[in-house]
Protein backbone atom coordinates (compact mmCIF):
# COMPACT_ATOMS: atom_id res chain seq x y z
CA MET A 1 23.56 -28.55 -24.12
CA PHE A 2 20.69 -25.62 -22.95
CA GLY A 3 17.48 -27.68 -23.69
CA LEU A 4 17.37 -29.41 -20.21
CA GLY A 5 17.58 -27.81 -16.80
CA PRO A 6 17.21 -24.47 -15.45
CA PHE A 7 18.08 -22.18 -18.40
CA ARG A 8 15.40 -24.06 -21.12
CA ALA A 9 12.87 -21.57 -22.72
CA THR A 10 9.32 -21.50 -21.44
CA ASN A 11 5.95 -20.48 -23.50
CA VAL A 12 5.66 -17.83 -20.70
CA LEU A 13 9.14 -16.37 -21.31
CA SER A 14 9.55 -16.69 -24.78
CA SER A 15 5.84 -15.33 -26.50
CA GLY A 16 3.47 -15.39 -23.49
CA LEU A 17 2.18 -12.69 -20.85
CA LEU A 18 5.55 -12.26 -18.62
CA TRP A 19 3.93 -10.81 -15.58
CA LYS A 20 0.86 -12.32 -14.62
CA ASN A 21 -0.80 -9.66 -12.16
CA PRO A 22 -3.97 -11.00 -11.15
CA TRP A 23 -6.90 -8.22 -11.03
CA ARG A 24 -7.62 -8.27 -7.08
CA LEU A 25 -5.88 -8.45 -3.78
CA SER A 26 -5.72 -11.88 -2.22
CA ARG A 27 -6.88 -12.30 1.44
CA PHE A 28 -3.12 -12.51 2.64
CA GLN A 29 -2.23 -9.26 0.56
CA LYS A 30 -5.05 -7.65 2.21
CA TYR A 31 -3.76 -8.60 5.87
CA ARG A 32 -0.47 -7.43 4.91
CA GLN A 33 -1.47 -4.03 3.87
CA ARG A 34 -3.26 -3.98 6.91
CA LYS A 35 -0.41 -5.06 9.30
CA ARG A 36 1.78 -2.17 7.19
CA LEU A 37 -0.87 0.36 7.97
CA GLN A 38 -0.95 -0.49 11.69
CA GLY A 39 2.46 -0.59 11.85
CA VAL A 40 2.67 2.90 10.95
CA ASP A 41 0.40 3.67 13.50
CA THR A 42 2.04 2.25 16.50
CA ILE A 43 5.02 4.26 14.86
CA ILE A 44 3.25 7.51 15.31
CA GLU A 45 1.78 6.52 18.61
CA THR A 46 5.08 5.32 19.85
CA LEU A 47 6.77 8.66 18.91
CA GLU A 48 4.00 10.91 20.17
CA SER A 49 4.35 9.35 23.61
CA SER A 50 8.01 9.60 23.80
CA LEU A 51 7.59 13.32 23.11
CA ALA A 52 5.02 14.01 25.11
CA LYS A 53 7.22 12.31 28.56
CA GLN A 54 9.82 14.52 27.36
CA GLY A 55 7.14 17.49 27.01
CA MET A 56 7.63 18.19 23.65
CA THR A 57 5.70 18.09 20.38
CA MET A 58 6.59 18.06 16.60
CA LYS A 59 4.76 20.26 14.15
CA ALA A 60 4.87 17.26 11.20
CA LEU A 61 3.47 14.72 13.72
CA GLN A 62 0.34 17.00 14.80
CA ARG A 63 -0.53 17.73 11.28
CA TRP A 64 0.02 13.52 10.56
CA LYS A 65 -2.50 12.97 13.38
CA GLU A 66 -5.02 15.63 12.28
CA GLU A 67 -5.17 14.77 8.57
CA MET A 68 -4.62 11.00 8.08
CA PRO A 69 -7.20 8.36 9.76
CA LYS A 70 -5.99 5.42 11.34
CA GLU A 71 -6.09 1.93 10.14
CA GLU A 72 -9.22 0.88 11.59
CA GLU A 73 -10.90 4.54 10.60
CA MET A 74 -10.39 3.72 6.98
CA LEU A 75 -13.01 2.31 4.31
CA ALA A 76 -11.67 -0.87 2.74
CA ARG A 77 -11.90 1.08 -0.34
CA ASP A 78 -9.45 3.61 0.75
CA LYS A 79 -7.04 0.83 2.36
CA TYR A 80 -7.10 -1.49 -0.97
CA THR A 81 -7.27 1.04 -4.08
CA ILE A 82 -5.47 4.15 -4.50
CA PHE A 83 -7.06 7.33 -6.62
CA ASP A 84 -5.87 7.64 -10.21
CA ARG A 85 -7.05 10.01 -12.82
CA LYS A 86 -6.15 7.99 -15.58
CA VAL A 87 -8.72 5.02 -15.01
CA LYS A 88 -12.15 4.71 -15.69
CA ARG A 89 -13.71 5.43 -12.30
CA TYR A 90 -10.78 6.99 -10.84
CA ARG A 91 -9.48 4.16 -8.51
CA LYS A 92 -7.19 1.06 -9.50
CA SER A 93 -6.36 -1.57 -6.97
CA ILE A 94 -3.05 -0.92 -4.91
CA HIS A 95 -1.38 -3.41 -5.81
CA LYS A 96 -1.05 -2.40 -9.60
CA LEU A 97 1.17 0.76 -8.24
CA PRO A 98 4.45 0.25 -8.38
CA LYS A 99 6.49 -0.35 -5.16
CA TRP A 100 2.94 -0.56 -3.66
CA THR A 101 4.20 -1.99 -0.48
CA ARG A 102 6.41 1.22 0.41
CA VAL A 103 3.93 3.89 -0.87
CA SER A 104 1.38 4.93 1.90
CA GLN A 105 -1.50 6.87 0.35
CA ARG A 106 -4.48 7.16 3.15
CA ILE A 107 -6.35 10.06 1.68
CA ASN A 108 -7.76 10.90 -1.50
CA PRO A 109 -9.15 13.93 -3.38
CA PRO A 110 -12.74 15.05 -2.19
CA GLY A 111 -15.31 12.80 -3.61
CA TYR A 112 -13.26 9.99 -4.33
């Protein structure tokens, strides 16, 4: 009854590796990651300009501008990898992180 169609067992599901995660980002994933970082930068610029028109400032916004680099200022190492103290060279590819499209880490510990 369930031998054919959408409910049949496959080799991957029955005994193989279920989550096939490539060891490097594709160029399309890198492109989307850059666009996400640029999107955050445009939001920060929009907030800053709209608050400046009203003659106001935000402490958190000023701190972000001082501490966080923009996308074009970041090294490729910082855009596509993340600090992890459990990994051999203390860096792992960002797509190995769960929910990596929602996590934004632009700065790393000094020296890494």
